[in-house]
Amino acid sequence: MRLWITAALAACLSGPAAAETIVIGVNGMVCAFCVNGIETTFKKQPEVETVTVDLDAKTVSVVTRQDMTLDDAAIARLIAEAGYTPVAVCRDEHGRAKMGDPVCKPVATAS
């Protein structure tokens, strides 16, 4: 009985998982057409709540839906299918990730 009460209490206190902010460094984006292509590609994904492209910074920022995420391989595939080259992925549950942060990882490319 105590175990059941402890489990129920833990579930109530933990709440839903937070959404995740993912910032992707992308090479090859140069115009509004690039922005549209990337946004369209990511908006089709059920895990994606919002997507923002910054041409000057050469980044794509994705906010996932609660309890969902995109793994690095899926991100690399989506960017490549849109015609661009992913270079780094930064993840942050607080929405503050940016290129160059220690949380950023280079994207593995297939040889």
PDB file of N, CA and C in Angstrom:
ATOM      1  N   MET A   1       0.824  -1.192   0.000  1.00  0.00           N
ATOM      2  CA  MET A   1       0.000   0.000   0.000  1.00  0.00           C
ATOM      3  C   MET A   1       0.875   1.265   0.000  1.00  0.00           C
ATOM      4  N   ARG A   2       1.916   1.247   0.843  1.00  0.00           N
ATOM      5  CA  ARG A   2       2.804   2.415   0.889  1.00  0.00           C
ATOM      6  C   ARG A   2       3.483   2.659  -0.458  1.00  0.00           C
ATOM      7  N   LEU A   3       3.877   1.573  -1.117  1.00  0.00           N
ATOM      8  CA  LEU A   3       4.523   1.705  -2.419  1.00  0.00           C
ATOM      9  C   LEU A   3       3.593   2.362  -3.418  1.00  0.00           C
ATOM     10  N   TRP A   4       2.334   1.964  -3.417  1.00  0.00           N
ATOM     11  CA  TRP A   4       1.354   2.533  -4.342  1.00  0.00           C
ATOM     12  C   TRP A   4       1.159   4.020  -4.066  1.00  0.00           C
ATOM     13  N   ILE A   5       1.055   4.389  -2.788  1.00  0.00           N
ATOM     14  CA  ILE A   5       0.873   5.797  -2.424  1.00  0.00           C
ATOM     15  C   ILE A   5       2.109   6.598  -2.813  1.00  0.00           C
ATOM     16  N   THR A   6       3.281   6.064  -2.586  1.00  0.00           N
ATOM     17  CA  THR A   6       4.523   6.749  -2.955  1.00  0.00           C
ATOM     18  C   THR A   6       4.596   6.956  -4.461  1.00  0.00           C
ATOM     19  N   ALA A   7       4.247   5.947  -5.235  1.00  0.00           N
ATOM     20  CA  ALA A   7       4.269   6.055  -6.695  1.00  0.00           C
ATOM     21  C   ALA A   7       3.261   7.089  -7.177  1.00  0.00           C
ATOM     22  N   ALA A   8       2.059   7.083  -6.597  1.00  0.00           N
ATOM     23  CA  ALA A   8       1.030   8.046  -6.997  1.00  0.00           C
ATOM     24  C   ALA A   8       1.459   9.467  -6.655  1.00  0.00           C
ATOM     25  N   LEU A   9       2.048   9.647  -5.492  1.00  0.00           N
ATOM     26  CA  LEU A   9       2.515  10.972  -5.087  1.00  0.00           C
ATOM     27  C   LEU A   9       3.639  11.456  -5.991  1.00  0.00           C
ATOM     28  N   ALA A  10       4.567  10.598  -6.324  1.00  0.00           N
ATOM     29  CA  ALA A  10       5.674  10.963  -7.221  1.00  0.00           C
ATOM     30  C   ALA A  10       5.145  11.362  -8.590  1.00  0.00           C
ATOM     31  N   ALA A  11       4.163  10.651  -9.097  1.00  0.00           N
ATOM     32  CA  ALA A  11       3.585  10.972 -10.412  1.00  0.00           C
ATOM     33  C   ALA A  11       2.908  12.329 -10.390  1.00  0.00           C
ATOM     34  N   CYS A  12       2.225  12.641  -9.311  1.00  0.00           N
ATOM     35  CA  CYS A  12       1.537  13.927  -9.211  1.00  0.00           C
ATOM     36  C   CYS A  12       2.520  15.085  -9.088  1.00  0.00           C
ATOM     37  N   LEU A  13       3.573  14.879  -8.340  1.00  0.00           N
ATOM     38  CA  LEU A  13       4.546  15.949  -8.123  1.00  0.00           C
ATOM     39  C   LEU A  13       5.447  16.199  -9.315  1.00  0.00           C
ATOM     40  N   SER A  14       5.698  15.186 -10.129  1.00  0.00           N
ATOM     41  CA  SER A  14       6.636  15.345 -11.237  1.00  0.00           C
ATOM     42  C   SER A  14       6.046  16.148 -12.380  1.00  0.00           C
ATOM     43  N   GLY A  15       4.753  16.058 -12.634  1.00  0.00           N
ATOM     44  CA  GLY A  15       4.106  16.801 -13.711  1.00  0.00           C
ATOM     45  C   GLY A  15       4.597  16.340 -15.065  1.00  0.00           C
ATOM     46  N   PRO A  16       4.099  16.980 -16.122  1.00  0.00           N
ATOM     47  CA  PRO A  16       4.515  16.578 -17.461  1.00  0.00           C
ATOM     48  C   PRO A  16       5.948  16.991 -17.747  1.00  0.00           C
ATOM     49  N   ALA A  17       6.589  16.250 -18.627  1.00  0.00           N
ATOM     50  CA  ALA A  17       7.960  16.585 -19.016  1.00  0.00           C
ATOM     51  C   ALA A  17       7.956  17.922 -19.752  1.00  0.00           C
ATOM     52  N   ALA A  18       9.002  18.681 -19.536  1.00  0.00           N
ATOM     53  CA  ALA A  18       9.106  19.991 -20.161  1.00  0.00           C
ATOM     54  C   ALA A  18       9.373  19.863 -21.646  1.00  0.00           C
ATOM     55  N   ALA A  19       8.964  20.881 -22.359  1.00  0.00           N
ATOM     56  CA  ALA A  19       9.321  20.960 -23.764  1.00  0.00           C
ATOM     57  C   ALA A  19      10.820  21.218 -23.846  1.00  0.00           C
ATOM     58  N   GLU A  20      11.400  20.880 -24.966  1.00  0.00           N
ATOM     59  CA  GLU A  20      12.840  21.038 -25.151  1.00  0.00           C
ATOM     60  C   GLU A  20      13.098  22.046 -26.263  1.00  0.00           C
ATOM     61  N   THR A  21      14.089  22.910 -26.060  1.00  0.00           N
ATOM     62  CA  THR A  21      14.526  23.813 -27.117  1.00  0.00           C
ATOM     63  C   THR A  21      15.791  23.225 -27.727  1.00  0.00           C
ATOM     64  N   ILE A  22      15.766  23.083 -29.049  1.00  0.00           N
ATOM     65  CA  ILE A  22      16.903  22.532 -29.780  1.00  0.00           C
ATOM     66  C   ILE A  22      17.350  23.593 -30.781  1.00  0.00           C
ATOM     67  N   VAL A  23      18.624  23.977 -30.710  1.00  0.00           N
ATOM     68  CA  VAL A  23      19.178  24.942 -31.653  1.00  0.00           C
ATOM     69  C   VAL A  23      20.158  24.197 -32.540  1.00  0.00           C
ATOM     70  N   ILE A  24      19.962  24.311 -33.856  1.00  0.00           N
ATOM     71  CA  ILE A  24      20.782  23.583 -34.820  1.00  0.00           C
ATOM     72  C   ILE A  24      21.558  24.584 -35.667  1.00  0.00           C
ATOM     73  N   GLY A  25      22.879  24.430 -35.720  1.00  0.00           N
ATOM     74  CA  GLY A  25      23.694  25.221 -36.633  1.00  0.00           C
ATOM     75  C   GLY A  25      23.579  24.608 -38.022  1.00  0.00           C
ATOM     76  N   VAL A  26      23.321  25.444 -39.022  1.00  0.00           N
ATOM     77  CA  VAL A  26      23.073  24.937 -40.376  1.00  0.00           C
ATOM     78  C   VAL A  26      23.872  25.742 -41.395  1.00  0.00           C
ATOM     79  N   ASN A  27      24.609  25.052 -42.246  1.00  0.00           N
ATOM     80  CA  ASN A  27      25.311  25.702 -43.356  1.00  0.00           C
ATOM     81  C   ASN A  27      24.461  25.646 -44.613  1.00  0.00           C
ATOM     82  N   GLY A  28      24.538  26.690 -45.413  1.00  0.00           N
ATOM     83  CA  GLY A  28      23.879  26.702 -46.714  1.00  0.00           C
ATOM     84  C   GLY A  28      22.613  27.531 -46.793  1.00  0.00           C
ATOM     85  N   MET A  29      22.120  28.047 -45.673  1.00  0.00           N
ATOM     86  CA  MET A  29      20.909  28.878 -45.698  1.00  0.00           C
ATOM     87  C   MET A  29      21.296  30.315 -46.050  1.00  0.00           C
ATOM     88  N   VAL A  30      20.656  30.874 -47.089  1.00  0.00           N
ATOM     89  CA  VAL A  30      21.025  32.222 -47.505  1.00  0.00           C
ATOM     90  C   VAL A  30      19.852  33.145 -47.820  1.00  0.00           C
ATOM     91  N   CYS A  31      18.616  32.617 -47.877  1.00  0.00           N
ATOM     92  CA  CYS A  31      17.510  33.460 -48.333  1.00  0.00           C
ATOM     93  C   CYS A  31      16.178  33.043 -47.701  1.00  0.00           C
ATOM     94  N   ALA A  32      15.129  33.811 -48.008  1.00  0.00           N
ATOM     95  CA  ALA A  32      13.795  33.528 -47.484  1.00  0.00           C
ATOM     96  C   ALA A  32      13.282  32.166 -47.961  1.00  0.00           C
ATOM     97  N   PHE A  33      13.674  31.739 -49.145  1.00  0.00           N
ATOM     98  CA  PHE A  33      13.286  30.412 -49.632  1.00  0.00           C
ATOM     99  C   PHE A  33      13.850  29.334 -48.711  1.00  0.00           C
ATOM    100  N   CYS A  34      15.079  29.546 -48.237  1.00  0.00           N
ATOM    101  CA  CYS A  34      15.707  28.599 -47.301  1.00  0.00           C
ATOM    102  C   CYS A  34      14.894  28.522 -46.010  1.00  0.00           C
ATOM    103  N   VAL A  35      14.509  29.674 -45.498  1.00  0.00           N
ATOM    104  CA  VAL A  35      13.707  29.741 -44.275  1.00  0.00           C
ATOM    105  C   VAL A  35      12.416  28.955 -44.457  1.00  0.00           C
ATOM    106  N   ASN A  36      11.730  29.204 -45.563  1.00  0.00           N
ATOM    107  CA  ASN A  36      10.459  28.528 -45.827  1.00  0.00           C
ATOM    108  C   ASN A  36      10.634  27.012 -45.911  1.00  0.00           C
ATOM    109  N   GLY A  37      11.671  26.555 -46.582  1.00  0.00           N
ATOM    110  CA  GLY A  37      11.913  25.121 -46.728  1.00  0.00           C
ATOM    111  C   GLY A  37      12.171  24.436 -45.403  1.00  0.00           C
ATOM    112  N   ILE A  38      13.001  25.048 -44.572  1.00  0.00           N
ATOM    113  CA  ILE A  38      13.318  24.482 -43.258  1.00  0.00           C
ATOM    114  C   ILE A  38      12.077  24.482 -42.365  1.00  0.00           C
ATOM    115  N   GLU A  39      11.368  25.625 -42.336  1.00  0.00           N
ATOM    116  CA  GLU A  39      10.174  25.707 -41.490  1.00  0.00           C
ATOM    117  C   GLU A  39       9.134  24.669 -41.900  1.00  0.00           C
ATOM    118  N   THR A  40       8.899  24.529 -43.191  1.00  0.00           N
ATOM    119  CA  THR A  40       7.924  23.560 -43.686  1.00  0.00           C
ATOM    120  C   THR A  40       8.318  22.141 -43.302  1.00  0.00           C
ATOM    121  N   THR A  41       9.585  21.823 -43.450  1.00  0.00           N
ATOM    122  CA  THR A  41      10.081  20.484 -43.117  1.00  0.00           C
ATOM    123  C   THR A  41       9.845  20.163 -41.645  1.00  0.00           C
ATOM    124  N   PHE A  42      10.196  21.082 -40.753  1.00  0.00           N
ATOM    125  CA  PHE A  42      10.076  20.807 -39.322  1.00  0.00           C
ATOM    126  C   PHE A  42       8.629  20.868 -38.835  1.00  0.00           C
ATOM    127  N   LYS A  43       7.820  21.753 -39.406  1.00  0.00           N
ATOM    128  CA  LYS A  43       6.422  21.857 -38.974  1.00  0.00           C
ATOM    129  C   LYS A  43       5.620  20.599 -39.282  1.00  0.00           C
ATOM    130  N   LYS A  44       6.100  19.783 -40.195  1.00  0.00           N
ATOM    131  CA  LYS A  44       5.427  18.522 -40.523  1.00  0.00           C
ATOM    132  C   LYS A  44       5.662  17.445 -39.466  1.00  0.00           C
ATOM    133  N   GLN A  45       6.622  17.670 -38.583  1.00  0.00           N
ATOM    134  CA  GLN A  45       6.976  16.664 -37.584  1.00  0.00           C
ATOM    135  C   GLN A  45       6.043  16.771 -36.374  1.00  0.00           C
ATOM    136  N   PRO A  46       5.466  15.661 -35.930  1.00  0.00           N
ATOM    137  CA  PRO A  46       4.529  15.713 -34.803  1.00  0.00           C
ATOM    138  C   PRO A  46       5.179  16.157 -33.491  1.00  0.00           C
ATOM    139  N   GLU A  47       6.487  16.027 -33.372  1.00  0.00           N
ATOM    140  CA  GLU A  47       7.193  16.409 -32.141  1.00  0.00           C
ATOM    141  C   GLU A  47       7.391  17.917 -32.019  1.00  0.00           C
ATOM    142  N   VAL A  48       7.235  18.656 -33.130  1.00  0.00           N
ATOM    143  CA  VAL A  48       7.599  20.073 -33.172  1.00  0.00           C
ATOM    144  C   VAL A  48       6.420  20.975 -32.831  1.00  0.00           C
ATOM    145  N   GLU A  49       6.634  21.842 -31.826  1.00  0.00           N
ATOM    146  CA  GLU A  49       5.647  22.853 -31.454  1.00  0.00           C
ATOM    147  C   GLU A  49       5.870  24.111 -32.287  1.00  0.00           C
ATOM    148  N   THR A  50       7.123  24.620 -32.282  1.00  0.00           N
ATOM    149  CA  THR A  50       7.463  25.808 -33.076  1.00  0.00           C
ATOM    150  C   THR A  50       8.842  25.644 -33.696  1.00  0.00           C
ATOM    151  N   VAL A  51       9.065  26.370 -34.789  1.00  0.00           N
ATOM    152  CA  VAL A  51      10.380  26.392 -35.433  1.00  0.00           C
ATOM    153  C   VAL A  51      10.660  27.825 -35.874  1.00  0.00           C
ATOM    154  N   THR A  52      11.890  28.278 -35.634  1.00  0.00           N
ATOM    155  CA  THR A  52      12.308  29.624 -36.014  1.00  0.00           C
ATOM    156  C   THR A  52      13.668  29.527 -36.685  1.00  0.00           C
ATOM    157  N   VAL A  53      13.803  30.202 -37.816  1.00  0.00           N
ATOM    158  CA  VAL A  53      15.069  30.200 -38.544  1.00  0.00           C
ATOM    159  C   VAL A  53      15.700  31.589 -38.461  1.00  0.00           C
ATOM    160  N   ASP A  54      16.978  31.649 -38.121  1.00  0.00           N
ATOM    161  CA  ASP A  54      17.729  32.904 -38.067  1.00  0.00           C
ATOM    162  C   ASP A  54      18.816  32.829 -39.131  1.00  0.00           C
ATOM    163  N   LEU A  55      18.584  33.518 -40.259  1.00  0.00           N
ATOM    164  CA  LEU A  55      19.547  33.484 -41.375  1.00  0.00           C
ATOM    165  C   LEU A  55      20.892  34.078 -40.984  1.00  0.00           C
ATOM    166  N   ASP A  56      20.878  35.188 -40.239  1.00  0.00           N
ATOM    167  CA  ASP A  56      22.136  35.841 -39.863  1.00  0.00           C
ATOM    168  C   ASP A  56      23.007  34.938 -38.994  1.00  0.00           C
ATOM    169  N   ALA A  57      22.376  34.255 -38.048  1.00  0.00           N
ATOM    170  CA  ALA A  57      23.119  33.368 -37.145  1.00  0.00           C
ATOM    171  C   ALA A  57      23.314  31.975 -37.744  1.00  0.00           C
ATOM    172  N   LYS A  58      22.622  31.692 -38.854  1.00  0.00           N
ATOM    173  CA  LYS A  58      22.676  30.359 -39.501  1.00  0.00           C
ATOM    174  C   LYS A  58      22.217  29.270 -38.528  1.00  0.00           C
ATOM    175  N   THR A  59      21.090  29.560 -37.838  1.00  0.00           N
ATOM    176  CA  THR A  59      20.557  28.586 -36.882  1.00  0.00           C
ATOM    177  C   THR A  59      19.077  28.323 -37.114  1.00  0.00           C
ATOM    178  N   VAL A  60      18.664  27.154 -36.681  1.00  0.00           N
ATOM    179  CA  VAL A  60      17.259  26.764 -36.653  1.00  0.00           C
ATOM    180  C   VAL A  60      16.946  26.420 -35.207  1.00  0.00           C
ATOM    181  N   SER A  61      15.934  27.064 -34.635  1.00  0.00           N
ATOM    182  CA  SER A  61      15.524  26.788 -33.259  1.00  0.00           C
ATOM    183  C   SER A  61      14.193  26.051 -33.287  1.00  0.00           C
ATOM    184  N   VAL A  62      14.164  24.906 -32.632  1.00  0.00           N
ATOM    185  CA  VAL A  62      12.972  24.072 -32.588  1.00  0.00           C
ATOM    186  C   VAL A  62      12.560  23.908 -31.133  1.00  0.00           C
ATOM    187  N   VAL A  63      11.285  24.129 -30.850  1.00  0.00           N
ATOM    188  CA  VAL A  63      10.735  23.837 -29.531  1.00  0.00           C
ATOM    189  C   VAL A  63       9.819  22.634 -29.714  1.00  0.00           C
ATOM    190  N   THR A  64      10.095  21.598 -28.934  1.00  0.00           N
ATOM    191  CA  THR A  64       9.293  20.376 -29.055  1.00  0.00           C
ATOM    192  C   THR A  64       8.025  20.478 -28.205  1.00  0.00           C
ATOM    193  N   ARG A  65       7.091  19.613 -28.519  1.00  0.00           N
ATOM    194  CA  ARG A  65       5.893  19.488 -27.689  1.00  0.00           C
ATOM    195  C   ARG A  65       6.296  18.791 -26.383  1.00  0.00           C
ATOM    196  N   GLN A  66       5.511  19.017 -25.333  1.00  0.00           N
ATOM    197  CA  GLN A  66       5.798  18.354 -24.056  1.00  0.00           C
ATOM    198  C   GLN A  66       5.815  16.849 -24.245  1.00  0.00           C
ATOM    199  N   ASP A  67       6.724  16.207 -23.535  1.00  0.00           N
ATOM    200  CA  ASP A  67       6.887  14.750 -23.560  1.00  0.00           C
ATOM    201  C   ASP A  67       7.401  14.217 -24.889  1.00  0.00           C
ATOM    202  N   MET A  68       7.902  15.091 -25.768  1.00  0.00           N
ATOM    203  CA  MET A  68       8.402  14.643 -27.064  1.00  0.00           C
ATOM    204  C   MET A  68       9.778  15.248 -27.318  1.00  0.00           C
ATOM    205  N   THR A  69      10.540  14.596 -28.194  1.00  0.00           N
ATOM    206  CA  THR A  69      11.838  15.122 -28.592  1.00  0.00           C
ATOM    207  C   THR A  69      12.166  14.630 -29.995  1.00  0.00           C
ATOM    208  N   LEU A  70      13.177  15.212 -30.581  1.00  0.00           N
ATOM    209  CA  LEU A  70      13.749  14.757 -31.849  1.00  0.00           C
ATOM    210  C   LEU A  70      15.191  14.378 -31.552  1.00  0.00           C
ATOM    211  N   ASP A  71      15.615  13.183 -31.964  1.00  0.00           N
ATOM    212  CA  ASP A  71      17.010  12.822 -31.723  1.00  0.00           C
ATOM    213  C   ASP A  71      17.904  13.468 -32.779  1.00  0.00           C
ATOM    214  N   ASP A  72      19.207  13.474 -32.509  1.00  0.00           N
ATOM    215  CA  ASP A  72      20.155  14.143 -33.401  1.00  0.00           C
ATOM    216  C   ASP A  72      20.137  13.554 -34.810  1.00  0.00           C
ATOM    217  N   ALA A  73      19.970  12.251 -34.918  1.00  0.00           N
ATOM    218  CA  ALA A  73      19.945  11.609 -36.241  1.00  0.00           C
ATOM    219  C   ALA A  73      18.737  12.092 -37.048  1.00  0.00           C
ATOM    220  N   ALA A  74      17.580  12.221 -36.402  1.00  0.00           N
ATOM    221  CA  ALA A  74      16.383  12.705 -37.097  1.00  0.00           C
ATOM    222  C   ALA A  74      16.571  14.157 -37.533  1.00  0.00           C
ATOM    223  N   ILE A  75      17.174  14.961 -36.667  1.00  0.00           N
ATOM    224  CA  ILE A  75      17.433  16.364 -37.009  1.00  0.00           C
ATOM    225  C   ILE A  75      18.367  16.453 -38.209  1.00  0.00           C
ATOM    226  N   ALA A  76      19.453  15.701 -38.184  1.00  0.00           N
ATOM    227  CA  ALA A  76      20.409  15.707 -39.296  1.00  0.00           C
ATOM    228  C   ALA A  76      19.731  15.279 -40.589  1.00  0.00           C
ATOM    229  N   ARG A  77      18.888  14.258 -40.510  1.00  0.00           N
ATOM    230  CA  ARG A  77      18.181  13.773 -41.701  1.00  0.00           C
ATOM    231  C   ARG A  77      17.228  14.845 -42.244  1.00  0.00           C
ATOM    232  N   LEU A  78      16.465  15.504 -41.370  1.00  0.00           N
ATOM    233  CA  LEU A  78      15.524  16.535 -41.806  1.00  0.00           C
ATOM    234  C   LEU A  78      16.239  17.723 -42.463  1.00  0.00           C
ATOM    235  N   ILE A  79      17.330  18.154 -41.858  1.00  0.00           N
ATOM    236  CA  ILE A  79      18.102  19.276 -42.424  1.00  0.00           C
ATOM    237  C   ILE A  79      18.679  18.874 -43.781  1.00  0.00           C
ATOM    238  N   ALA A  80      19.250  17.685 -43.873  1.00  0.00           N
ATOM    239  CA  ALA A  80      19.836  17.214 -45.129  1.00  0.00           C
ATOM    240  C   ALA A  80      18.763  17.048 -46.211  1.00  0.00           C
ATOM    241  N   GLU A  81      17.603  16.513 -45.841  1.00  0.00           N
ATOM    242  CA  GLU A  81      16.516  16.348 -46.822  1.00  0.00           C
ATOM    243  C   GLU A  81      16.015  17.693 -47.341  1.00  0.00           C
ATOM    244  N   ALA A  82      16.139  18.739 -46.514  1.00  0.00           N
ATOM    245  CA  ALA A  82      15.744  20.080 -46.949  1.00  0.00           C
ATOM    246  C   ALA A  82      16.821  20.715 -47.831  1.00  0.00           C
ATOM    247  N   GLY A  83      17.997  20.067 -47.914  1.00  0.00           N
ATOM    248  CA  GLY A  83      19.046  20.541 -48.807  1.00  0.00           C
ATOM    249  C   GLY A  83      20.175  21.309 -48.140  1.00  0.00           C
ATOM    250  N   TYR A  84      20.298  21.183 -46.821  1.00  0.00           N
ATOM    251  CA  TYR A  84      21.307  21.949 -46.096  1.00  0.00           C
ATOM    252  C   TYR A  84      22.190  21.019 -45.265  1.00  0.00           C
ATOM    253  N   THR A  85      23.225  21.580 -44.654  1.00  0.00           N
ATOM    254  CA  THR A  85      24.176  20.788 -43.891  1.00  0.00           C
ATOM    255  C   THR A  85      24.108  21.154 -42.417  1.00  0.00           C
ATOM    256  N   PRO A  86      23.693  20.211 -41.567  1.00  0.00           N
ATOM    257  CA  PRO A  86      23.693  20.483 -40.125  1.00  0.00           C
ATOM    258  C   PRO A  86      25.119  20.390 -39.587  1.00  0.00           C
ATOM    259  N   VAL A  87      25.498  21.318 -38.700  1.00  0.00           N
ATOM    260  CA  VAL A  87      26.863  21.295 -38.173  1.00  0.00           C
ATOM    261  C   VAL A  87      26.930  21.065 -36.666  1.00  0.00           C
ATOM    262  N   ALA A  88      25.911  21.496 -35.923  1.00  0.00           N
ATOM    263  CA  ALA A  88      25.910  21.300 -34.467  1.00  0.00           C
ATOM    264  C   ALA A  88      24.485  21.312 -33.944  1.00  0.00           C
ATOM    265  N   VAL A  89      24.283  20.615 -32.825  1.00  0.00           N
ATOM    266  CA  VAL A  89      22.976  20.580 -32.167  1.00  0.00           C
ATOM    267  C   VAL A  89      23.175  20.942 -30.700  1.00  0.00           C
ATOM    268  N   CYS A  90      22.382  21.909 -30.232  1.00  0.00           N
ATOM    269  CA  CYS A  90      22.410  22.334 -28.828  1.00  0.00           C
ATOM    270  C   CYS A  90      21.027  22.086 -28.241  1.00  0.00           C
ATOM    271  N   ARG A  91      20.990  21.499 -27.057  1.00  0.00           N
ATOM    272  CA  ARG A  91      19.714  21.185 -26.395  1.00  0.00           C
ATOM    273  C   ARG A  91      19.635  21.871 -25.041  1.00  0.00           C
ATOM    274  N   ASP A  92      18.414  22.370 -24.726  1.00  0.00           N
ATOM    275  CA  ASP A  92      18.215  23.050 -23.451  1.00  0.00           C
ATOM    276  C   ASP A  92      16.728  23.032 -23.102  1.00  0.00           C
ATOM    277  N   GLU A  93      16.416  22.618 -21.888  1.00  0.00           N
ATOM    278  CA  GLU A  93      15.021  22.611 -21.447  1.00  0.00           C
ATOM    279  C   GLU A  93      14.562  23.992 -20.986  1.00  0.00           C
ATOM    280  N   HIS A  94      15.469  24.958 -20.934  1.00  0.00           N
ATOM    281  CA  HIS A  94      15.131  26.285 -20.438  1.00  0.00           C
ATOM    282  C   HIS A  94      15.077  27.330 -21.549  1.00  0.00           C
ATOM    283  N   GLY A  95      15.280  26.918 -22.801  1.00  0.00           N
ATOM    284  CA  GLY A  95      15.171  27.838 -23.927  1.00  0.00           C
ATOM    285  C   GLY A  95      16.319  28.794 -24.106  1.00  0.00           C
ATOM    286  N   ARG A  96      17.489  28.480 -23.528  1.00  0.00           N
ATOM    287  CA  ARG A  96      18.621  29.408 -23.600  1.00  0.00           C
ATOM    288  C   ARG A  96      19.801  28.875 -24.397  1.00  0.00           C
ATOM    289  N   ALA A  97      19.645  27.762 -25.063  1.00  0.00           N
ATOM    290  CA  ALA A  97      20.764  27.176 -25.813  1.00  0.00           C
ATOM    291  C   ALA A  97      21.153  28.090 -26.967  1.00  0.00           C
ATOM    292  N   LYS A  98      22.469  28.151 -27.212  1.00  0.00           N
ATOM    293  CA  LYS A  98      22.952  28.896 -28.383  1.00  0.00           C
ATOM    294  C   LYS A  98      24.248  28.258 -28.865  1.00  0.00           C
ATOM    295  N   MET A  99      24.570  28.486 -30.111  1.00  0.00           N
ATOM    296  CA  MET A  99      25.778  27.914 -30.690  1.00  0.00           C
ATOM    297  C   MET A  99      26.984  28.320 -29.856  1.00  0.00           C
ATOM    298  N   GLY A 100      27.892  27.377 -29.652  1.00  0.00           N
ATOM    299  CA  GLY A 100      29.092  27.628 -28.883  1.00  0.00           C
ATOM    300  C   GLY A 100      28.974  27.241 -27.415  1.00  0.00           C
ATOM    301  N   ASP A 101      27.746  26.982 -26.944  1.00  0.00           N
ATOM    302  CA  ASP A 101      27.561  26.542 -25.561  1.00  0.00           C
ATOM    303  C   ASP A 101      28.170  25.158 -25.373  1.00  0.00           C
ATOM    304  N   PRO A 102      28.540  24.827 -24.138  1.00  0.00           N
ATOM    305  CA  PRO A 102      29.078  23.488 -23.873  1.00  0.00           C
ATOM    306  C   PRO A 102      28.093  22.369 -24.157  1.00  0.00           C
ATOM    307  N   VAL A 103      26.783  22.682 -24.182  1.00  0.00           N
ATOM    308  CA  VAL A 103      25.785  21.643 -24.454  1.00  0.00           C
ATOM    309  C   VAL A 103      25.682  21.302 -25.941  1.00  0.00           C
ATOM    310  N   CYS A 104      26.391  22.044 -26.795  1.00  0.00           N
ATOM    311  CA  CYS A 104      26.351  21.796 -28.241  1.00  0.00           C
ATOM    312  C   CYS A 104      27.239  20.616 -28.628  1.00  0.00           C
ATOM    313  N   LYS A 105      26.729  19.823 -29.538  1.00  0.00           N
ATOM    314  CA  LYS A 105      27.505  18.682 -30.036  1.00  0.00           C
ATOM    315  C   LYS A 105      27.595  18.769 -31.563  1.00  0.00           C
ATOM    316  N   PRO A 106      28.755  18.479 -32.127  1.00  0.00           N
ATOM    317  CA  PRO A 106      28.859  18.434 -33.583  1.00  0.00           C
ATOM    318  C   PRO A 106      27.945  17.337 -34.126  1.00  0.00           C
ATOM    319  N   VAL A 107      27.426  17.563 -35.314  1.00  0.00           N
ATOM    320  CA  VAL A 107      26.566  16.564 -35.951  1.00  0.00           C
ATOM    321  C   VAL A 107      27.441  15.574 -36.698  1.00  0.00           C
ATOM    322  N   ALA A 108      27.234  14.308 -36.418  1.00  0.00           N
ATOM    323  CA  ALA A 108      27.980  13.251 -37.132  1.00  0.00           C
ATOM    324  C   ALA A 108      27.466  13.175 -38.565  1.00  0.00           C
ATOM    325  N   THR A 109      28.371  13.148 -39.494  1.00  0.00           N
ATOM    326  CA  THR A 109      27.988  13.028 -40.900  1.00  0.00           C
ATOM    327  C   THR A 109      28.360  11.670 -41.426  1.00  0.00           C
ATOM    328  N   ALA A 110      27.506  11.161 -42.313  1.00  0.00           N
ATOM    329  CA  ALA A 110      27.774   9.846 -42.925  1.00  0.00           C
ATOM    330  C   ALA A 110      28.880   9.985 -43.954  1.00  0.00           C
ATOM    331  N   SER A 111      29.795   9.038 -43.977  1.00  0.00           N
ATOM    332  CA  SER A 111      30.898   9.092 -44.942  1.00  0.00           C
ATOM    333  C   SER A 111      30.589   8.226 -46.136  1.00  0.00           C
TER     334      SER A 111
END
